[in-house]
Amino acid sequence: MTPDDLRALFTGQDGGYRFARWGRPIAPVVFGVSDETLATLKGACEAVVALAGHQMAETDPELGANLMVFFFRDWSELPLVPNLDRLVPDLGPLVERLAAAGATQYRLFRFDAGGAIRAAFVFQRVDDAIAALPAEAIALNQMVQVILLWSETAFAERSPLARLPDGRLVLRPEIAGVIRAGYDPAMPPVASDPAHALRLAARLSGEDLGGGQ
């Protein structure tokens, strides 16, 4: 991937560059799925976290669970979840906007004082089209998109996943490389300078040039 390609992955619609990775171990909890699907989601989370060289935990000392994933049929179900409005400010108006837009998914991040990810909420509405997809596809797609703070348009035109000729679903190699580079200990956990994309490109080519915090 070129530096421009990498820059686009973390440049928002407002033109600002914003990169962030998790600053603490990820402690996930999933709502609204069967035990079988839960195992698939856990496996996808473990695989992506291992790819990043990050860590998972049973609980977060501050929040209990810091990655909450919700599956549901209709956006109107979310306001009925006990205490969710305490975790997600303005939950009612948010749900109304997402329902009006016909959205099938939404991700909300929380950050620590330094700007690293401290918590994330993933909302997946399961319509007929989503229900027809393999659980592994849904799980891997969501975990990839929550491991870093990608731009809202990063995967609008192309999924981060690809299917091999034998039918296996995998993460696109270039996206896997970005995740590994982003979690490299030599890289900053947070960046707002577009020059950071040059450092990502250097890591992908095996040579970190420094700078671009």
C-alpha atoms as a PDB file:
ATOM      1  CA  MET A   1       0.000   0.000   0.000  1.00  0.00           C
ATOM      2  CA  THR A   2       1.216   3.501  -0.796  1.00  0.00           C
ATOM      3  CA  PRO A   3       1.393   6.242   1.850  1.00  0.00           C
ATOM      4  CA  ASP A   4      -1.637   7.841   0.186  1.00  0.00           C
ATOM      5  CA  ASP A   5      -3.567   4.571   0.492  1.00  0.00           C
ATOM      6  CA  LEU A   6      -2.639   4.348   4.160  1.00  0.00           C
ATOM      7  CA  ARG A   7      -3.451   7.987   4.793  1.00  0.00           C
ATOM      8  CA  ALA A   8      -6.939   7.477   3.372  1.00  0.00           C
ATOM      9  CA  LEU A   9      -7.623   4.674   5.856  1.00  0.00           C
ATOM     10  CA  PHE A  10      -7.356   7.114   8.767  1.00  0.00           C
ATOM     11  CA  THR A  11      -8.549  10.390   7.235  1.00  0.00           C
ATOM     12  CA  GLY A  12     -12.098  11.320   8.165  1.00  0.00           C
ATOM     13  CA  GLN A  13     -14.691  13.065   6.070  1.00  0.00           C
ATOM     14  CA  ASP A  14     -13.662  16.307   7.770  1.00  0.00           C
ATOM     15  CA  GLY A  15     -10.167  15.926   6.267  1.00  0.00           C
ATOM     16  CA  GLY A  16      -8.482  15.281   9.611  1.00  0.00           C
ATOM     17  CA  TYR A  17      -6.050  12.413  10.131  1.00  0.00           C
ATOM     18  CA  ARG A  18      -6.702  10.387  13.267  1.00  0.00           C
ATOM     19  CA  PHE A  19      -5.052   7.109  14.200  1.00  0.00           C
ATOM     20  CA  ALA A  20      -5.564   5.311  17.510  1.00  0.00           C
ATOM     21  CA  ARG A  21      -5.067   1.795  18.792  1.00  0.00           C
ATOM     22  CA  TRP A  22      -6.139   0.145  22.033  1.00  0.00           C
ATOM     23  CA  GLY A  23      -4.196   1.291  25.067  1.00  0.00           C
ATOM     24  CA  ARG A  24      -5.300  -1.562  27.318  1.00  0.00           C
ATOM     25  CA  PRO A  25      -6.135  -5.285  27.027  1.00  0.00           C
ATOM     26  CA  ILE A  26      -9.473  -5.957  25.362  1.00  0.00           C
ATOM     27  CA  ALA A  27     -12.187  -7.522  27.539  1.00  0.00           C
ATOM     28  CA  PRO A  28     -15.156  -8.319  25.283  1.00  0.00           C
ATOM     29  CA  VAL A  29     -18.765  -9.167  25.992  1.00  0.00           C
ATOM     30  CA  VAL A  30     -21.393 -10.053  23.365  1.00  0.00           C
ATOM     31  CA  PHE A  31     -25.164  -9.752  23.567  1.00  0.00           C
ATOM     32  CA  GLY A  32     -27.922 -11.207  21.417  1.00  0.00           C
ATOM     33  CA  VAL A  33     -26.292 -14.305  19.891  1.00  0.00           C
ATOM     34  CA  SER A  34     -26.376 -18.070  20.365  1.00  0.00           C
ATOM     35  CA  ASP A  35     -23.586 -19.924  22.155  1.00  0.00           C
ATOM     36  CA  GLU A  36     -22.300 -21.180  18.803  1.00  0.00           C
ATOM     37  CA  THR A  37     -22.099 -17.683  17.356  1.00  0.00           C
ATOM     38  CA  LEU A  38     -20.563 -16.428  20.585  1.00  0.00           C
ATOM     39  CA  ALA A  39     -17.712 -18.921  20.163  1.00  0.00           C
ATOM     40  CA  THR A  40     -17.208 -17.697  16.585  1.00  0.00           C
ATOM     41  CA  LEU A  41     -17.071 -14.080  17.739  1.00  0.00           C
ATOM     42  CA  LYS A  42     -14.630 -14.908  20.525  1.00  0.00           C
ATOM     43  CA  GLY A  43     -12.432 -16.769  18.062  1.00  0.00           C
ATOM     44  CA  ALA A  44     -12.434 -13.818  15.650  1.00  0.00           C
ATOM     45  CA  CYS A  45     -11.537 -11.417  18.451  1.00  0.00           C
ATOM     46  CA  GLU A  46      -8.692 -13.644  19.637  1.00  0.00           C
ATOM     47  CA  ALA A  47      -7.362 -13.989  16.094  1.00  0.00           C
ATOM     48  CA  VAL A  48      -7.342 -10.251  15.368  1.00  0.00           C
ATOM     49  CA  VAL A  49      -5.860  -9.383  18.760  1.00  0.00           C
ATOM     50  CA  ALA A  50      -3.128 -11.988  18.227  1.00  0.00           C
ATOM     51  CA  LEU A  51      -2.436 -10.555  14.773  1.00  0.00           C
ATOM     52  CA  ALA A  52      -1.973  -7.128  16.334  1.00  0.00           C
ATOM     53  CA  GLY A  53       0.300  -8.514  19.042  1.00  0.00           C
ATOM     54  CA  HIS A  54      -2.077  -7.020  21.606  1.00  0.00           C
ATOM     55  CA  GLN A  55      -3.656  -8.668  24.665  1.00  0.00           C
ATOM     56  CA  MET A  56      -7.075  -9.811  25.809  1.00  0.00           C
ATOM     57  CA  ALA A  57      -8.372  -9.964  29.381  1.00  0.00           C
ATOM     58  CA  GLU A  58     -11.279 -11.534  31.222  1.00  0.00           C
ATOM     59  CA  THR A  59     -12.233  -8.175  32.708  1.00  0.00           C
ATOM     60  CA  ASP A  60     -11.192  -4.556  32.555  1.00  0.00           C
ATOM     61  CA  PRO A  61     -10.388  -3.219  36.055  1.00  0.00           C
ATOM     62  CA  GLU A  62     -12.165   0.059  35.353  1.00  0.00           C
ATOM     63  CA  LEU A  63     -15.087  -0.933  33.124  1.00  0.00           C
ATOM     64  CA  GLY A  64     -15.534  -4.675  33.556  1.00  0.00           C
ATOM     65  CA  ALA A  65     -16.017  -5.178  29.817  1.00  0.00           C
ATOM     66  CA  ASN A  66     -14.488  -2.574  27.511  1.00  0.00           C
ATOM     67  CA  LEU A  67     -15.668  -4.027  24.183  1.00  0.00           C
ATOM     68  CA  MET A  68     -19.432  -4.493  24.058  1.00  0.00           C
ATOM     69  CA  VAL A  69     -20.969  -6.052  20.947  1.00  0.00           C
ATOM     70  CA  PHE A  70     -24.740  -5.992  20.458  1.00  0.00           C
ATOM     71  CA  PHE A  71     -26.713  -7.975  17.871  1.00  0.00           C
ATOM     72  CA  PHE A  72     -30.396  -7.159  17.345  1.00  0.00           C
ATOM     73  CA  ARG A  73     -33.167  -7.121  14.748  1.00  0.00           C
ATOM     74  CA  ASP A  74     -34.359  -3.545  15.099  1.00  0.00           C
ATOM     75  CA  TRP A  75     -32.770  -0.332  16.342  1.00  0.00           C
ATOM     76  CA  SER A  76     -35.778   0.210  18.615  1.00  0.00           C
ATOM     77  CA  GLU A  77     -34.482  -2.659  20.791  1.00  0.00           C
ATOM     78  CA  LEU A  78     -31.411  -0.739  21.964  1.00  0.00           C
ATOM     79  CA  PRO A  79     -33.135   1.792  24.244  1.00  0.00           C
ATOM     80  CA  LEU A  80     -34.678  -1.187  26.061  1.00  0.00           C
ATOM     81  CA  VAL A  81     -31.276  -2.533  27.116  1.00  0.00           C
ATOM     82  CA  PRO A  82     -30.903  -1.761  30.852  1.00  0.00           C
ATOM     83  CA  ASN A  83     -28.428   1.043  31.645  1.00  0.00           C
ATOM     84  CA  LEU A  84     -27.178   1.307  28.047  1.00  0.00           C
ATOM     85  CA  ASP A  85     -28.202   4.960  28.014  1.00  0.00           C
ATOM     86  CA  ARG A  86     -25.681   5.534  30.804  1.00  0.00           C
ATOM     87  CA  LEU A  87     -22.885   4.157  28.652  1.00  0.00           C
ATOM     88  CA  VAL A  88     -23.969   5.734  25.355  1.00  0.00           C
ATOM     89  CA  PRO A  89     -24.871   9.434  25.687  1.00  0.00           C
ATOM     90  CA  ASP A  90     -27.903  10.586  23.694  1.00  0.00           C
ATOM     91  CA  LEU A  91     -28.808   6.976  22.899  1.00  0.00           C
ATOM     92  CA  GLY A  92     -32.369   7.844  21.890  1.00  0.00           C
ATOM     93  CA  PRO A  93     -31.505  10.461  19.246  1.00  0.00           C
ATOM     94  CA  LEU A  94     -28.645   8.250  17.980  1.00  0.00           C
ATOM     95  CA  VAL A  95     -30.988   5.301  17.489  1.00  0.00           C
ATOM     96  CA  GLU A  96     -33.497   7.509  15.678  1.00  0.00           C
ATOM     97  CA  ARG A  97     -30.812   8.747  13.256  1.00  0.00           C
ATOM     98  CA  LEU A  98     -29.493   5.254  12.568  1.00  0.00           C
ATOM     99  CA  ALA A  99     -32.982   3.845  12.024  1.00  0.00           C
ATOM    100  CA  ALA A 100     -33.911   6.688   9.688  1.00  0.00           C
ATOM    101  CA  ALA A 101     -30.731   6.088   7.674  1.00  0.00           C
ATOM    102  CA  GLY A 102     -31.424   2.353   7.414  1.00  0.00           C
ATOM    103  CA  ALA A 103     -28.039   1.631   9.009  1.00  0.00           C
ATOM    104  CA  THR A 104     -27.050  -1.958   9.719  1.00  0.00           C
ATOM    105  CA  GLN A 105     -24.041  -1.234  11.921  1.00  0.00           C
ATOM    106  CA  TYR A 106     -22.454   1.446  14.076  1.00  0.00           C
ATOM    107  CA  ARG A 107     -19.314   1.647  16.191  1.00  0.00           C
ATOM    108  CA  LEU A 108     -18.705   4.041  19.053  1.00  0.00           C
ATOM    109  CA  PHE A 109     -15.299   4.520  20.681  1.00  0.00           C
ATOM    110  CA  ARG A 110     -14.162   5.932  24.007  1.00  0.00           C
ATOM    111  CA  PHE A 111     -10.608   7.165  24.560  1.00  0.00           C
ATOM    112  CA  ASP A 112      -8.232   7.578  27.490  1.00  0.00           C
ATOM    113  CA  ALA A 113      -6.506  10.819  28.448  1.00  0.00           C
ATOM    114  CA  GLY A 114      -3.758  10.216  25.913  1.00  0.00           C
ATOM    115  CA  GLY A 115      -6.171   9.471  23.069  1.00  0.00           C
ATOM    116  CA  ALA A 116      -5.755   5.674  22.902  1.00  0.00           C
ATOM    117  CA  ILE A 117      -8.866   3.500  22.701  1.00  0.00           C
ATOM    118  CA  ARG A 118     -10.187   2.557  26.136  1.00  0.00           C
ATOM    119  CA  ALA A 119     -13.601   1.156  25.162  1.00  0.00           C
ATOM    120  CA  ALA A 120     -15.760   0.454  22.125  1.00  0.00           C
ATOM    121  CA  PHE A 121     -19.419  -0.321  21.485  1.00  0.00           C
ATOM    122  CA  VAL A 122     -20.389  -2.278  18.364  1.00  0.00           C
ATOM    123  CA  PHE A 123     -24.011  -2.330  17.215  1.00  0.00           C
ATOM    124  CA  GLN A 124     -24.986  -4.800  14.487  1.00  0.00           C
ATOM    125  CA  ARG A 125     -28.552  -4.841  13.168  1.00  0.00           C
ATOM    126  CA  VAL A 126     -29.290  -8.259  11.726  1.00  0.00           C
ATOM    127  CA  ASP A 127     -31.531  -7.798   8.693  1.00  0.00           C
ATOM    128  CA  ASP A 128     -32.237 -10.555   6.177  1.00  0.00           C
ATOM    129  CA  ALA A 129     -29.075  -9.811   4.183  1.00  0.00           C
ATOM    130  CA  ILE A 130     -26.852  -9.905   7.273  1.00  0.00           C
ATOM    131  CA  ALA A 131     -28.574 -13.049   8.567  1.00  0.00           C
ATOM    132  CA  ALA A 132     -27.667 -14.816   5.308  1.00  0.00           C
ATOM    133  CA  LEU A 133     -23.946 -14.197   5.849  1.00  0.00           C
ATOM    134  CA  PRO A 134     -21.710 -16.726   7.624  1.00  0.00           C
ATOM    135  CA  ALA A 135     -21.208 -15.864  11.273  1.00  0.00           C
ATOM    136  CA  GLU A 136     -17.447 -15.915  10.726  1.00  0.00           C
ATOM    137  CA  ALA A 137     -17.744 -13.146   8.130  1.00  0.00           C
ATOM    138  CA  ILE A 138     -19.722 -10.894  10.456  1.00  0.00           C
ATOM    139  CA  ALA A 139     -17.441 -11.612  13.411  1.00  0.00           C
ATOM    140  CA  LEU A 140     -14.153 -11.077  11.596  1.00  0.00           C
ATOM    141  CA  ASN A 141     -15.407  -7.934   9.866  1.00  0.00           C
ATOM    142  CA  GLN A 142     -16.465  -6.320  13.144  1.00  0.00           C
ATOM    143  CA  MET A 143     -13.313  -7.261  15.032  1.00  0.00           C
ATOM    144  CA  VAL A 144     -11.076  -5.906  12.284  1.00  0.00           C
ATOM    145  CA  GLN A 145     -12.961  -2.624  12.275  1.00  0.00           C
ATOM    146  CA  VAL A 146     -12.723  -2.198  16.037  1.00  0.00           C
ATOM    147  CA  ILE A 147      -9.018  -3.042  16.502  1.00  0.00           C
ATOM    148  CA  LEU A 148      -7.991   0.388  15.153  1.00  0.00           C
ATOM    149  CA  LEU A 149      -9.734   3.728  14.735  1.00  0.00           C
ATOM    150  CA  TRP A 150     -10.233   3.535  10.971  1.00  0.00           C
ATOM    151  CA  SER A 151     -11.886   6.402   9.110  1.00  0.00           C
ATOM    152  CA  GLU A 152     -15.629   6.098   8.536  1.00  0.00           C
ATOM    153  CA  THR A 153     -14.987   5.536   4.823  1.00  0.00           C
ATOM    154  CA  ALA A 154     -12.017   3.140   5.090  1.00  0.00           C
ATOM    155  CA  PHE A 155     -14.034   0.105   3.981  1.00  0.00           C
ATOM    156  CA  ALA A 156     -16.965   1.792   2.280  1.00  0.00           C
ATOM    157  CA  GLU A 157     -15.991   0.546  -1.169  1.00  0.00           C
ATOM    158  CA  ARG A 158     -14.062  -2.613  -0.338  1.00  0.00           C
ATOM    159  CA  SER A 159     -14.391  -5.058   2.533  1.00  0.00           C
ATOM    160  CA  PRO A 160     -11.337  -5.743   4.717  1.00  0.00           C
ATOM    161  CA  LEU A 161     -12.006  -9.434   4.075  1.00  0.00           C
ATOM    162  CA  ALA A 162     -11.400 -11.697   1.081  1.00  0.00           C
ATOM    163  CA  ARG A 163     -12.415 -15.238   0.204  1.00  0.00           C
ATOM    164  CA  LEU A 164      -9.801 -17.736  -0.945  1.00  0.00           C
ATOM    165  CA  PRO A 165     -10.450 -20.102  -3.864  1.00  0.00           C
ATOM    166  CA  ASP A 166     -11.088 -22.921  -1.387  1.00  0.00           C
ATOM    167  CA  GLY A 167     -13.857 -20.871   0.216  1.00  0.00           C
ATOM    168  CA  ARG A 168     -12.029 -19.825   3.362  1.00  0.00           C
ATOM    169  CA  LEU A 169     -12.630 -16.283   4.554  1.00  0.00           C
ATOM    170  CA  VAL A 170      -9.483 -14.335   5.442  1.00  0.00           C
ATOM    171  CA  LEU A 171      -8.343 -10.843   6.210  1.00  0.00           C
ATOM    172  CA  ARG A 172      -6.887  -9.074   3.185  1.00  0.00           C
ATOM    173  CA  PRO A 173      -3.074  -9.290   3.547  1.00  0.00           C
ATOM    174  CA  GLU A 174      -2.539  -5.559   3.163  1.00  0.00           C
ATOM    175  CA  ILE A 175      -5.040  -4.788   5.938  1.00  0.00           C
ATOM    176  CA  ALA A 176      -3.420  -7.400   8.186  1.00  0.00           C
ATOM    177  CA  GLY A 177      -0.116  -5.646   7.538  1.00  0.00           C
ATOM    178  CA  VAL A 178      -1.556  -2.275   8.544  1.00  0.00           C
ATOM    179  CA  ILE A 179      -2.843  -3.732  11.813  1.00  0.00           C
ATOM    180  CA  ARG A 180       0.537  -5.288  12.627  1.00  0.00           C
ATOM    181  CA  ALA A 181       2.350  -2.058  11.734  1.00  0.00           C
ATOM    182  CA  GLY A 182      -0.055   0.052  13.775  1.00  0.00           C
ATOM    183  CA  TYR A 183       0.600  -2.043  16.877  1.00  0.00           C
ATOM    184  CA  ASP A 184       4.357  -2.156  16.438  1.00  0.00           C
ATOM    185  CA  PRO A 185       5.869  -1.057  19.793  1.00  0.00           C
ATOM    186  CA  ALA A 186       8.002   1.487  17.924  1.00  0.00           C
ATOM    187  CA  MET A 187       4.865   3.223  16.644  1.00  0.00           C
ATOM    188  CA  PRO A 188       2.872   5.757  18.669  1.00  0.00           C
ATOM    189  CA  PRO A 189      -0.519   4.598  19.995  1.00  0.00           C
ATOM    190  CA  VAL A 190      -2.120   7.836  18.792  1.00  0.00           C
ATOM    191  CA  ALA A 191      -1.352  10.112  15.836  1.00  0.00           C
ATOM    192  CA  SER A 192      -2.965  13.114  14.189  1.00  0.00           C
ATOM    193  CA  ASP A 193      -0.144  14.046  11.802  1.00  0.00           C
ATOM    194  CA  PRO A 194      -0.676  12.615   8.293  1.00  0.00           C
ATOM    195  CA  ALA A 195       3.082  11.928   8.205  1.00  0.00           C
ATOM    196  CA  HIS A 196       2.232   8.992  10.463  1.00  0.00           C
ATOM    197  CA  ALA A 197       1.121   7.209   7.277  1.00  0.00           C
ATOM    198  CA  LEU A 198       4.733   7.392   6.054  1.00  0.00           C
ATOM    199  CA  ARG A 199       5.826   5.506   9.149  1.00  0.00           C
ATOM    200  CA  LEU A 200       3.162   2.883   8.570  1.00  0.00           C
ATOM    201  CA  ALA A 201       4.357   2.519   4.979  1.00  0.00           C
ATOM    202  CA  ALA A 202       7.935   2.183   6.226  1.00  0.00           C
ATOM    203  CA  ARG A 203       6.944  -0.550   8.658  1.00  0.00           C
ATOM    204  CA  LEU A 204       5.139  -2.394   5.886  1.00  0.00           C
ATOM    205  CA  SER A 205       8.291  -2.241   3.760  1.00  0.00           C
ATOM    206  CA  GLY A 206      10.465  -3.255   6.700  1.00  0.00           C
ATOM    207  CA  GLU A 207      12.142   0.069   7.374  1.00  0.00           C
ATOM    208  CA  ASP A 208      10.846   2.614   9.896  1.00  0.00           C
ATOM    209  CA  LEU A 209      12.082   6.102   9.024  1.00  0.00           C
ATOM    210  CA  GLY A 210      11.061   7.659  12.335  1.00  0.00           C
ATOM    211  CA  GLY A 211       9.026  10.800  12.973  1.00  0.00           C
ATOM    212  CA  GLY A 212       5.351  11.328  12.202  1.00  0.00           C
ATOM    213  CA  GLN A 213       4.044  11.142  15.753  1.00  0.00           C
END
